Amino acid sequence: MGHRELDDRAEYEVQLTDEAVYGLAEVMPDVVYQRVNEMLSVLATFPRYGEEYDPYYEAARPSVPCRVLFVGRYGIYYAIDEERQKVTVLAIEDSRRDPRNRFRVVD
């Protein structure tokens, strides 16, 4: 794939849910916060950059299929709407937390 083809990619809108906004505010230290923001920008061009999220615990499963992208110990959980060219970030969470409490606001 040439550079020209990469430049012609359609940008996706990246939208954060309330839970994702709260999670982003808790990201520490500042250098990791900056990296998370950079990855959110990457998702606008490469929405499939993360891997499919398939949790072990049923309680950790969101109501919609989603993907996850890790930046250090933080997971960015997001869904892609191809038709609307939109990425919805469902949660940004420290992976050390109990996964069964994930997606509280989304469901």
PDB file of N, CA and C in Angstrom:
ATOM      1  N   MET A   1       0.850  -1.180   0.000  1.00  0.00           N
ATOM      2  CA  MET A   1       0.000   0.000   0.000  1.00  0.00           C
ATOM      3  C   MET A   1       0.892   1.237   0.000  1.00  0.00           C
ATOM      4  N   GLY A   2       0.689   2.134  -0.945  1.00  0.00           N
ATOM      5  CA  GLY A   2       1.505   3.331  -1.049  1.00  0.00           C
ATOM      6  C   GLY A   2       1.065   4.417  -0.088  1.00  0.00           C
ATOM      7  N   HIS A   3       1.907   5.433   0.036  1.00  0.00           N
ATOM      8  CA  HIS A   3       1.591   6.547   0.939  1.00  0.00           C
ATOM      9  C   HIS A   3       0.337   7.279   0.489  1.00  0.00           C
ATOM     10  N   ARG A   4       0.134   7.351  -0.801  1.00  0.00           N
ATOM     11  CA  ARG A   4      -1.029   8.050  -1.340  1.00  0.00           C
ATOM     12  C   ARG A   4      -2.323   7.385  -0.873  1.00  0.00           C
ATOM     13  N   GLU A   5      -2.344   6.050  -0.890  1.00  0.00           N
ATOM     14  CA  GLU A   5      -3.534   5.321  -0.460  1.00  0.00           C
ATOM     15  C   GLU A   5      -3.817   5.559   1.014  1.00  0.00           C
ATOM     16  N   LEU A   6      -2.772   5.641   1.838  1.00  0.00           N
ATOM     17  CA  LEU A   6      -2.963   5.917   3.263  1.00  0.00           C
ATOM     18  C   LEU A   6      -3.552   7.305   3.465  1.00  0.00           C
ATOM     19  N   ASP A   7      -3.094   8.279   2.666  1.00  0.00           N
ATOM     20  CA  ASP A   7      -3.585   9.645   2.794  1.00  0.00           C
ATOM     21  C   ASP A   7      -5.048   9.770   2.384  1.00  0.00           C
ATOM     22  N   ASP A   8      -5.524   8.859   1.518  1.00  0.00           N
ATOM     23  CA  ASP A   8      -6.894   8.923   1.026  1.00  0.00           C
ATOM     24  C   ASP A   8      -7.896   8.218   1.939  1.00  0.00           C
ATOM     25  N   ARG A   9      -7.445   7.636   3.039  1.00  0.00           N
ATOM     26  CA  ARG A   9      -8.352   6.940   3.963  1.00  0.00           C
ATOM     27  C   ARG A   9      -9.361   7.934   4.540  1.00  0.00           C
ATOM     28  N   ALA A  10     -10.593   7.471   4.662  1.00  0.00           N
ATOM     29  CA  ALA A  10     -11.626   8.309   5.271  1.00  0.00           C
ATOM     30  C   ALA A  10     -11.419   8.328   6.781  1.00  0.00           C
ATOM     31  N   GLU A  11     -11.512   9.479   7.357  1.00  0.00           N
ATOM     32  CA  GLU A  11     -11.385   9.614   8.808  1.00  0.00           C
ATOM     33  C   GLU A  11     -12.699   9.212   9.470  1.00  0.00           C
ATOM     34  N   TYR A  12     -12.588   8.460  10.538  1.00  0.00           N
ATOM     35  CA  TYR A  12     -13.748   8.105  11.346  1.00  0.00           C
ATOM     36  C   TYR A  12     -13.892   9.146  12.451  1.00  0.00           C
ATOM     37  N   GLU A  13     -15.116   9.405  12.840  1.00  0.00           N
ATOM     38  CA  GLU A  13     -15.366  10.255  14.003  1.00  0.00           C
ATOM     39  C   GLU A  13     -15.107   9.400  15.242  1.00  0.00           C
ATOM     40  N   VAL A  14     -14.367   9.929  16.199  1.00  0.00           N
ATOM     41  CA  VAL A  14     -14.110   9.218  17.454  1.00  0.00           C
ATOM     42  C   VAL A  14     -14.877   9.932  18.554  1.00  0.00           C
ATOM     43  N   GLN A  15     -15.792   9.203  19.194  1.00  0.00           N
ATOM     44  CA  GLN A  15     -16.642   9.768  20.242  1.00  0.00           C
ATOM     45  C   GLN A  15     -16.434   8.970  21.522  1.00  0.00           C
ATOM     46  N   LEU A  16     -16.335   9.656  22.650  1.00  0.00           N
ATOM     47  CA  LEU A  16     -16.167   9.006  23.948  1.00  0.00           C
ATOM     48  C   LEU A  16     -17.478   9.016  24.717  1.00  0.00           C
ATOM     49  N   THR A  17     -17.833   7.874  25.310  1.00  0.00           N
ATOM     50  CA  THR A  17     -18.987   7.825  26.209  1.00  0.00           C
ATOM     51  C   THR A  17     -18.597   8.524  27.506  1.00  0.00           C
ATOM     52  N   ASP A  18     -19.583   8.777  28.365  1.00  0.00           N
ATOM     53  CA  ASP A  18     -19.283   9.382  29.668  1.00  0.00           C
ATOM     54  C   ASP A  18     -18.298   8.523  30.451  1.00  0.00           C
ATOM     55  N   GLU A  19     -18.494   7.205  30.422  1.00  0.00           N
ATOM     56  CA  GLU A  19     -17.592   6.306  31.148  1.00  0.00           C
ATOM     57  C   GLU A  19     -16.161   6.437  30.630  1.00  0.00           C
ATOM     58  N   ALA A  20     -15.993   6.573  29.318  1.00  0.00           N
ATOM     59  CA  ALA A  20     -14.659   6.727  28.737  1.00  0.00           C
ATOM     60  C   ALA A  20     -14.029   8.059  29.141  1.00  0.00           C
ATOM     61  N   VAL A  21     -14.827   9.114  29.181  1.00  0.00           N
ATOM     62  CA  VAL A  21     -14.320  10.428  29.602  1.00  0.00           C
ATOM     63  C   VAL A  21     -13.826  10.355  31.045  1.00  0.00           C
ATOM     64  N   TYR A  22     -14.607   9.721  31.921  1.00  0.00           N
ATOM     65  CA  TYR A  22     -14.194   9.570  33.321  1.00  0.00           C
ATOM     66  C   TYR A  22     -12.934   8.726  33.419  1.00  0.00           C
ATOM     67  N   GLY A  23     -12.865   7.654  32.630  1.00  0.00           N
ATOM     68  CA  GLY A  23     -11.685   6.799  32.640  1.00  0.00           C
ATOM     69  C   GLY A  23     -10.450   7.522  32.150  1.00  0.00           C
ATOM     70  N   LEU A  24     -10.593   8.330  31.112  1.00  0.00           N
ATOM     71  CA  LEU A  24      -9.472   9.100  30.579  1.00  0.00           C
ATOM     72  C   LEU A  24      -8.930  10.065  31.623  1.00  0.00           C
ATOM     73  N   ALA A  25      -9.818  10.672  32.387  1.00  0.00           N
ATOM     74  CA  ALA A  25      -9.401  11.621  33.425  1.00  0.00           C
ATOM     75  C   ALA A  25      -8.565  10.952  34.516  1.00  0.00           C
ATOM     76  N   GLU A  26      -8.705   9.639  34.677  1.00  0.00           N
ATOM     77  CA  GLU A  26      -7.977   8.911  35.720  1.00  0.00           C
ATOM     78  C   GLU A  26      -6.635   8.351  35.250  1.00  0.00           C
ATOM     79  N   VAL A  27      -6.320   8.490  33.962  1.00  0.00           N
ATOM     80  CA  VAL A  27      -5.072   7.931  33.431  1.00  0.00           C
ATOM     81  C   VAL A  27      -3.876   8.689  33.993  1.00  0.00           C
ATOM     82  N   MET A  28      -2.946   7.940  34.555  1.00  0.00           N
ATOM     83  CA  MET A  28      -1.713   8.492  35.124  1.00  0.00           C
ATOM     84  C   MET A  28      -0.550   7.625  34.678  1.00  0.00           C
ATOM     85  N   PRO A  29       0.631   8.141  34.595  1.00  0.00           N
ATOM     86  CA  PRO A  29       1.081   9.526  34.661  1.00  0.00           C
ATOM     87  C   PRO A  29       0.765  10.280  33.362  1.00  0.00           C
ATOM     88  N   ASP A  30       1.172  11.542  33.314  1.00  0.00           N
ATOM     89  CA  ASP A  30       0.857  12.398  32.168  1.00  0.00           C
ATOM     90  C   ASP A  30       1.360  11.831  30.843  1.00  0.00           C
ATOM     91  N   VAL A  31       2.530  11.202  30.856  1.00  0.00           N
ATOM     92  CA  VAL A  31       3.084  10.652  29.613  1.00  0.00           C
ATOM     93  C   VAL A  31       2.177   9.546  29.066  1.00  0.00           C
ATOM     94  N   VAL A  32       1.574   8.751  29.927  1.00  0.00           N
ATOM     95  CA  VAL A  32       0.648   7.702  29.489  1.00  0.00           C
ATOM     96  C   VAL A  32      -0.653   8.346  29.006  1.00  0.00           C
ATOM     97  N   TYR A  33      -1.104   9.379  29.697  1.00  0.00           N
ATOM     98  CA  TYR A  33      -2.299  10.125  29.278  1.00  0.00           C
ATOM     99  C   TYR A  33      -2.114  10.637  27.843  1.00  0.00           C
ATOM    100  N   GLN A  34      -0.938  11.187  27.552  1.00  0.00           N
ATOM    101  CA  GLN A  34      -0.651  11.686  26.206  1.00  0.00           C
ATOM    102  C   GLN A  34      -0.674  10.558  25.180  1.00  0.00           C
ATOM    103  N   ARG A  35      -0.118   9.397  25.531  1.00  0.00           N
ATOM    104  CA  ARG A  35      -0.110   8.242  24.623  1.00  0.00           C
ATOM    105  C   ARG A  35      -1.539   7.747  24.356  1.00  0.00           C
ATOM    106  N   VAL A  36      -2.372   7.728  25.394  1.00  0.00           N
ATOM    107  CA  VAL A  36      -3.769   7.318  25.210  1.00  0.00           C
ATOM    108  C   VAL A  36      -4.449   8.270  24.228  1.00  0.00           C
ATOM    109  N   ASN A  37      -4.244   9.563  24.400  1.00  0.00           N
ATOM    110  CA  ASN A  37      -4.828  10.543  23.472  1.00  0.00           C
ATOM    111  C   ASN A  37      -4.314  10.347  22.051  1.00  0.00           C
ATOM    112  N   GLU A  38      -3.027  10.026  21.909  1.00  0.00           N
ATOM    113  CA  GLU A  38      -2.469   9.757  20.581  1.00  0.00           C
ATOM    114  C   GLU A  38      -3.164   8.553  19.944  1.00  0.00           C
ATOM    115  N   MET A  39      -3.394   7.515  20.732  1.00  0.00           N
ATOM    116  CA  MET A  39      -4.047   6.314  20.205  1.00  0.00           C
ATOM    117  C   MET A  39      -5.497   6.587  19.819  1.00  0.00           C
ATOM    118  N   LEU A  40      -6.163   7.479  20.542  1.00  0.00           N
ATOM    119  CA  LEU A  40      -7.526   7.863  20.162  1.00  0.00           C
ATOM    120  C   LEU A  40      -7.512   8.514  18.781  1.00  0.00           C
ATOM    121  N   SER A  41      -6.494   9.304  18.502  1.00  0.00           N
ATOM    122  CA  SER A  41      -6.353   9.920  17.176  1.00  0.00           C
ATOM    123  C   SER A  41      -6.060   8.872  16.108  1.00  0.00           C
ATOM    124  N   VAL A  42      -5.245   7.882  16.449  1.00  0.00           N
ATOM    125  CA  VAL A  42      -4.927   6.799  15.508  1.00  0.00           C
ATOM    126  C   VAL A  42      -6.199   6.057  15.107  1.00  0.00           C
ATOM    127  N   LEU A  43      -7.114   5.863  16.060  1.00  0.00           N
ATOM    128  CA  LEU A  43      -8.357   5.136  15.771  1.00  0.00           C
ATOM    129  C   LEU A  43      -9.211   5.836  14.719  1.00  0.00           C
ATOM    130  N   ALA A  44      -9.051   7.145  14.572  1.00  0.00           N
ATOM    131  CA  ALA A  44      -9.804   7.877  13.549  1.00  0.00           C
ATOM    132  C   ALA A  44      -9.408   7.416  12.144  1.00  0.00           C
ATOM    133  N   THR A  45      -8.151   7.024  11.976  1.00  0.00           N
ATOM    134  CA  THR A  45      -7.658   6.577  10.679  1.00  0.00           C
ATOM    135  C   THR A  45      -7.612   5.060  10.563  1.00  0.00           C
ATOM    136  N   PHE A  46      -7.294   4.396  11.675  1.00  0.00           N
ATOM    137  CA  PHE A  46      -7.146   2.939  11.685  1.00  0.00           C
ATOM    138  C   PHE A  46      -8.039   2.332  12.764  1.00  0.00           C
ATOM    139  N   PRO A  47      -9.350   2.304  12.539  1.00  0.00           N
ATOM    140  CA  PRO A  47     -10.270   1.848  13.585  1.00  0.00           C
ATOM    141  C   PRO A  47     -10.102   0.376  13.973  1.00  0.00           C
ATOM    142  N   ARG A  48      -9.507  -0.425  13.128  1.00  0.00           N
ATOM    143  CA  ARG A  48      -9.316  -1.844  13.450  1.00  0.00           C
ATOM    144  C   ARG A  48      -7.939  -2.120  14.056  1.00  0.00           C
ATOM    145  N   TYR A  49      -7.276  -1.091  14.517  1.00  0.00           N
ATOM    146  CA  TYR A  49      -5.930  -1.219  15.088  1.00  0.00           C
ATOM    147  C   TYR A  49      -5.915  -2.134  16.315  1.00  0.00           C
ATOM    148  N   GLY A  50      -6.929  -2.067  17.129  1.00  0.00           N
ATOM    149  CA  GLY A  50      -7.023  -2.922  18.316  1.00  0.00           C
ATOM    150  C   GLY A  50      -7.476  -4.324  17.951  1.00  0.00           C
ATOM    151  N   GLU A  51      -7.481  -5.203  18.945  1.00  0.00           N
ATOM    152  CA  GLU A  51      -7.913  -6.587  18.725  1.00  0.00           C
ATOM    153  C   GLU A  51      -9.352  -6.774  19.193  1.00  0.00           C
ATOM    154  N   GLU A  52      -9.998  -7.816  18.696  1.00  0.00           N
ATOM    155  CA  GLU A  52     -11.360  -8.106  19.131  1.00  0.00           C
ATOM    156  C   GLU A  52     -11.350  -8.423  20.621  1.00  0.00           C
ATOM    157  N   TYR A  53     -12.306  -7.860  21.338  1.00  0.00           N
ATOM    158  CA  TYR A  53     -12.403  -8.069  22.784  1.00  0.00           C
ATOM    159  C   TYR A  53     -13.309  -9.263  23.040  1.00  0.00           C
ATOM    160  N   ASP A  54     -12.747 -10.292  23.658  1.00  0.00           N
ATOM    161  CA  ASP A  54     -13.484 -11.521  23.944  1.00  0.00           C
ATOM    162  C   ASP A  54     -13.152 -11.951  25.376  1.00  0.00           C
ATOM    163  N   PRO A  55     -13.823 -11.349  26.364  1.00  0.00           N
ATOM    164  CA  PRO A  55     -13.475 -11.609  27.765  1.00  0.00           C
ATOM    165  C   PRO A  55     -13.878 -13.000  28.250  1.00  0.00           C
ATOM    166  N   TYR A  56     -13.163 -13.464  29.234  1.00  0.00           N
ATOM    167  CA  TYR A  56     -13.437 -14.756  29.861  1.00  0.00           C
ATOM    168  C   TYR A  56     -14.737 -14.700  30.658  1.00  0.00           C
ATOM    169  N   TYR A  57     -14.926 -13.598  31.415  1.00  0.00           N
ATOM    170  CA  TYR A  57     -16.114 -13.447  32.261  1.00  0.00           C
ATOM    171  C   TYR A  57     -17.293 -12.916  31.452  1.00  0.00           C
ATOM    172  N   GLU A  58     -18.421 -13.585  31.528  1.00  0.00           N
ATOM    173  CA  GLU A  58     -19.635 -13.122  30.845  1.00  0.00           C
ATOM    174  C   GLU A  58     -20.025 -11.721  31.334  1.00  0.00           C
ATOM    175  N   ALA A  59     -19.824 -11.466  32.618  1.00  0.00           N
ATOM    176  CA  ALA A  59     -20.172 -10.162  33.198  1.00  0.00           C
ATOM    177  C   ALA A  59     -19.302  -9.033  32.642  1.00  0.00           C
ATOM    178  N   ALA A  60     -18.161  -9.369  32.048  1.00  0.00           N
ATOM    179  CA  ALA A  60     -17.268  -8.353  31.484  1.00  0.00           C
ATOM    180  C   ALA A  60     -17.569  -8.081  30.013  1.00  0.00           C
ATOM    181  N   ARG A  61     -18.581  -8.751  29.470  1.00  0.00           N
ATOM    182  CA  ARG A  61     -18.930  -8.627  28.057  1.00  0.00           C
ATOM    183  C   ARG A  61     -19.875  -7.434  27.857  1.00  0.00           C
ATOM    184  N   PRO A  62     -19.539  -6.525  26.947  1.00  0.00           N
ATOM    185  CA  PRO A  62     -20.435  -5.395  26.676  1.00  0.00           C
ATOM    186  C   PRO A  62     -21.644  -5.841  25.851  1.00  0.00           C
ATOM    187  N   SER A  63     -22.620  -4.968  25.730  1.00  0.00           N
ATOM    188  CA  SER A  63     -23.839  -5.290  24.983  1.00  0.00           C
ATOM    189  C   SER A  63     -23.629  -5.221  23.470  1.00  0.00           C
ATOM    190  N   VAL A  64     -22.505  -4.677  23.029  1.00  0.00           N
ATOM    191  CA  VAL A  64     -22.177  -4.593  21.599  1.00  0.00           C
ATOM    192  C   VAL A  64     -20.785  -5.189  21.375  1.00  0.00           C
ATOM    193  N   PRO A  65     -20.533  -5.742  20.181  1.00  0.00           N
ATOM    194  CA  PRO A  65     -19.179  -6.235  19.899  1.00  0.00           C
ATOM    195  C   PRO A  65     -18.192  -5.069  19.956  1.00  0.00           C
ATOM    196  N   CYS A  66     -17.037  -5.316  20.532  1.00  0.00           N
ATOM    197  CA  CYS A  66     -16.071  -4.227  20.605  1.00  0.00           C
ATOM    198  C   CYS A  66     -14.644  -4.742  20.458  1.00  0.00           C
ATOM    199  N   ARG A  67     -13.742  -3.805  20.400  1.00  0.00           N
ATOM    200  CA  ARG A  67     -12.315  -4.077  20.264  1.00  0.00           C
ATOM    201  C   ARG A  67     -11.606  -3.425  21.444  1.00  0.00           C
ATOM    202  N   VAL A  68     -10.349  -3.822  21.662  1.00  0.00           N
ATOM    203  CA  VAL A  68      -9.562  -3.228  22.740  1.00  0.00           C
ATOM    204  C   VAL A  68      -8.159  -2.955  22.228  1.00  0.00           C
ATOM    205  N   LEU A  69      -7.629  -1.833  22.669  1.00  0.00           N
ATOM    206  CA  LEU A  69      -6.277  -1.409  22.338  1.00  0.00           C
ATOM    207  C   LEU A  69      -5.612  -1.038  23.651  1.00  0.00           C
ATOM    208  N   PHE A  70      -4.464  -1.635  23.949  1.00  0.00           N
ATOM    209  CA  PHE A  70      -3.788  -1.359  25.217  1.00  0.00           C
ATOM    210  C   PHE A  70      -2.673  -0.344  25.043  1.00  0.00           C
ATOM    211  N   VAL A  71      -2.631   0.590  25.979  1.00  0.00           N
ATOM    212  CA  VAL A  71      -1.552   1.560  26.099  1.00  0.00           C
ATOM    213  C   VAL A  71      -1.030   1.375  27.513  1.00  0.00           C
ATOM    214  N   GLY A  72       0.109   0.709  27.639  1.00  0.00           N
ATOM    215  CA  GLY A  72       0.587   0.353  28.970  1.00  0.00           C
ATOM    216  C   GLY A  72      -0.436  -0.557  29.621  1.00  0.00           C
ATOM    217  N   ARG A  73      -0.828  -0.218  30.829  1.00  0.00           N
ATOM    218  CA  ARG A  73      -1.812  -1.052  31.540  1.00  0.00           C
ATOM    219  C   ARG A  73      -3.259  -0.606  31.303  1.00  0.00           C
ATOM    220  N   TYR A  74      -3.448   0.407  30.469  1.00  0.00           N
ATOM    221  CA  TYR A  74      -4.790   0.930  30.195  1.00  0.00           C
ATOM    222  C   TYR A  74      -5.361   0.340  28.910  1.00  0.00           C
ATOM    223  N   GLY A  75      -6.596  -0.127  28.996  1.00  0.00           N
ATOM    224  CA  GLY A  75      -7.299  -0.639  27.829  1.00  0.00           C
ATOM    225  C   GLY A  75      -8.277   0.402  27.312  1.00  0.00           C
ATOM    226  N   ILE A  76      -8.264   0.605  26.009  1.00  0.00           N
ATOM    227  CA  ILE A  76      -9.239   1.471  25.343  1.00  0.00           C
ATOM    228  C   ILE A  76     -10.229   0.522  24.669  1.00  0.00           C
ATOM    229  N   TYR A  77     -11.450   0.477  25.163  1.00  0.00           N
ATOM    230  CA  TYR A  77     -12.487  -0.431  24.663  1.00  0.00           C
ATOM    231  C   TYR A  77     -13.414   0.371  23.753  1.00  0.00           C
ATOM    232  N   TYR A  78     -13.592  -0.095  22.517  1.00  0.00           N
ATOM    233  CA  TYR A  78     -14.356   0.704  21.567  1.00  0.00           C
ATOM    234  C   TYR A  78     -15.129  -0.158  20.575  1.00  0.00           C
ATOM    235  N   ALA A  79     -16.180   0.439  20.032  1.00  0.00           N
ATOM    236  CA  ALA A  79     -17.013  -0.201  19.011  1.00  0.00           C
ATOM    237  C   ALA A  79     -16.902   0.607  17.725  1.00  0.00           C
ATOM    238  N   ILE A  80     -17.015  -0.090  16.610  1.00  0.00           N
ATOM    239  CA  ILE A  80     -16.920   0.555  15.297  1.00  0.00           C
ATOM    240  C   ILE A  80     -18.279   0.484  14.605  1.00  0.00           C
ATOM    241  N   ASP A  81     -18.732   1.618  14.107  1.00  0.00           N
ATOM    242  CA  ASP A  81     -19.934   1.671  13.271  1.00  0.00           C
ATOM    243  C   ASP A  81     -19.457   2.021  11.861  1.00  0.00           C
ATOM    244  N   GLU A  82     -19.309   0.996  11.026  1.00  0.00           N
ATOM    245  CA  GLU A  82     -18.784   1.186   9.666  1.00  0.00           C
ATOM    246  C   GLU A  82     -19.693   2.088   8.832  1.00  0.00           C
ATOM    247  N   GLU A  83     -20.996   1.891   8.971  1.00  0.00           N
ATOM    248  CA  GLU A  83     -21.954   2.649   8.167  1.00  0.00           C
ATOM    249  C   GLU A  83     -21.844   4.150   8.424  1.00  0.00           C
ATOM    250  N   ARG A  84     -21.683   4.521   9.670  1.00  0.00           N
ATOM    251  CA  ARG A  84     -21.586   5.944  10.039  1.00  0.00           C
ATOM    252  C   ARG A  84     -20.148   6.433  10.119  1.00  0.00           C
ATOM    253  N   GLN A  85     -19.193   5.528   9.887  1.00  0.00           N
ATOM    254  CA  GLN A  85     -17.764   5.828  10.015  1.00  0.00           C
ATOM    255  C   GLN A  85     -17.494   6.503  11.360  1.00  0.00           C
ATOM    256  N   LYS A  86     -17.870   5.761  12.406  1.00  0.00           N
ATOM    257  CA  LYS A  86     -17.776   6.292  13.760  1.00  0.00           C
ATOM    258  C   LYS A  86     -17.170   5.243  14.692  1.00  0.00           C
ATOM    259  N   VAL A  87     -16.261   5.689  15.539  1.00  0.00           N
ATOM    260  CA  VAL A  87     -15.681   4.858  16.594  1.00  0.00           C
ATOM    261  C   VAL A  87     -16.217   5.401  17.912  1.00  0.00           C
ATOM    262  N   THR A  88     -16.868   4.549  18.685  1.00  0.00           N
ATOM    263  CA  THR A  88     -17.375   4.949  19.996  1.00  0.00           C
ATOM    264  C   THR A  88     -16.518   4.283  21.059  1.00  0.00           C
ATOM    265  N   VAL A  89     -15.816   5.099  21.834  1.00  0.00           N
ATOM    266  CA  VAL A  89     -14.986   4.579  22.916  1.00  0.00           C
ATOM    267  C   VAL A  89     -15.906   4.349  24.106  1.00  0.00           C
ATOM    268  N   LEU A  90     -16.034   3.082  24.484  1.00  0.00           N
ATOM    269  CA  LEU A  90     -16.948   2.684  25.553  1.00  0.00           C
ATOM    270  C   LEU A  90     -16.344   2.876  26.930  1.00  0.00           C
ATOM    271  N   ALA A  91     -15.046   2.613  27.049  1.00  0.00           N
ATOM    272  CA  ALA A  91     -14.376   2.715  28.348  1.00  0.00           C
ATOM    273  C   ALA A  91     -12.878   2.827  28.142  1.00  0.00           C
ATOM    274  N   ILE A  92     -12.221   3.501  29.068  1.00  0.00           N
ATOM    275  CA  ILE A  92     -10.761   3.530  29.167  1.00  0.00           C
ATOM    276  C   ILE A  92     -10.483   3.137  30.598  1.00  0.00           C
ATOM    277  N   GLU A  93      -9.797   2.003  30.763  1.00  0.00           N
ATOM    278  CA  GLU A  93      -9.719   1.439  32.111  1.00  0.00           C
ATOM    279  C   GLU A  93      -8.366   0.797  32.394  1.00  0.00           C
ATOM    280  N   ASP A  94      -7.918   0.959  33.624  1.00  0.00           N
ATOM    281  CA  ASP A  94      -6.716   0.298  34.118  1.00  0.00           C
ATOM    282  C   ASP A  94      -6.999  -1.206  34.130  1.00  0.00           C
ATOM    283  N   SER A  95      -6.182  -1.984  33.460  1.00  0.00           N
ATOM    284  CA  SER A  95      -6.432  -3.423  33.325  1.00  0.00           C
ATOM    285  C   SER A  95      -6.304  -4.185  34.640  1.00  0.00           C
ATOM    286  N   ARG A  96      -5.826  -3.529  35.684  1.00  0.00           N
ATOM    287  CA  ARG A  96      -5.724  -4.188  36.994  1.00  0.00           C
ATOM    288  C   ARG A  96      -7.057  -4.193  37.739  1.00  0.00           C
ATOM    289  N   ARG A  97      -8.034  -3.474  37.237  1.00  0.00           N
ATOM    290  CA  ARG A  97      -9.356  -3.439  37.883  1.00  0.00           C
ATOM    291  C   ARG A  97     -10.143  -4.700  37.575  1.00  0.00           C
ATOM    292  N   ASP A  98     -11.159  -4.956  38.366  1.00  0.00           N
ATOM    293  CA  ASP A  98     -12.016  -6.132  38.190  1.00  0.00           C
ATOM    294  C   ASP A  98     -12.785  -6.000  36.871  1.00  0.00           C
ATOM    295  N   PRO A  99     -12.563  -6.906  35.902  1.00  0.00           N
ATOM    296  CA  PRO A  99     -13.220  -6.777  34.597  1.00  0.00           C
ATOM    297  C   PRO A  99     -14.733  -6.948  34.653  1.00  0.00           C
ATOM    298  N   ARG A 100     -15.246  -7.514  35.725  1.00  0.00           N
ATOM    299  CA  ARG A 100     -16.698  -7.723  35.820  1.00  0.00           C
ATOM    300  C   ARG A 100     -17.453  -6.424  36.077  1.00  0.00           C
ATOM    301  N   ASN A 101     -16.723  -5.356  36.409  1.00  0.00           N
ATOM    302  CA  ASN A 101     -17.363  -4.053  36.635  1.00  0.00           C
ATOM    303  C   ASN A 101     -17.243  -3.129  35.426  1.00  0.00           C
ATOM    304  N   ARG A 102     -16.691  -3.636  34.350  1.00  0.00           N
ATOM    305  CA  ARG A 102     -16.487  -2.841  33.144  1.00  0.00           C
ATOM    306  C   ARG A 102     -17.834  -2.586  32.454  1.00  0.00           C
ATOM    307  N   PHE A 103     -17.959  -1.500  31.762  1.00  0.00           N
ATOM    308  CA  PHE A 103     -19.144  -1.130  30.969  1.00  0.00           C
ATOM    309  C   PHE A 103     -20.377  -0.905  31.840  1.00  0.00           C
ATOM    310  N   ARG A 104     -20.197  -0.328  32.991  1.00  0.00           N
ATOM    311  CA  ARG A 104     -21.317  -0.034  33.897  1.00  0.00           C
ATOM    312  C   ARG A 104     -22.326   0.899  33.235  1.00  0.00           C
ATOM    313  N   VAL A 105     -21.825   1.932  32.598  1.00  0.00           N
ATOM    314  CA  VAL A 105     -22.689   2.960  32.025  1.00  0.00           C
ATOM    315  C   VAL A 105     -23.259   2.530  30.676  1.00  0.00           C
ATOM    316  N   VAL A 106     -22.535   1.710  29.928  1.00  0.00           N
ATOM    317  CA  VAL A 106     -22.924   1.349  28.563  1.00  0.00           C
ATOM    318  C   VAL A 106     -24.149   0.461  28.530  1.00  0.00           C
ATOM    319  N   ASP A 107     -24.217  -0.532  29.423  1.00  0.00           N
ATOM    320  CA  ASP A 107     -25.308  -1.516  29.378  1.00  0.00           C
ATOM    321  C   ASP A 107     -26.639  -0.969  29.804  1.00  0.00           C
TER     322      ASP A 107
END
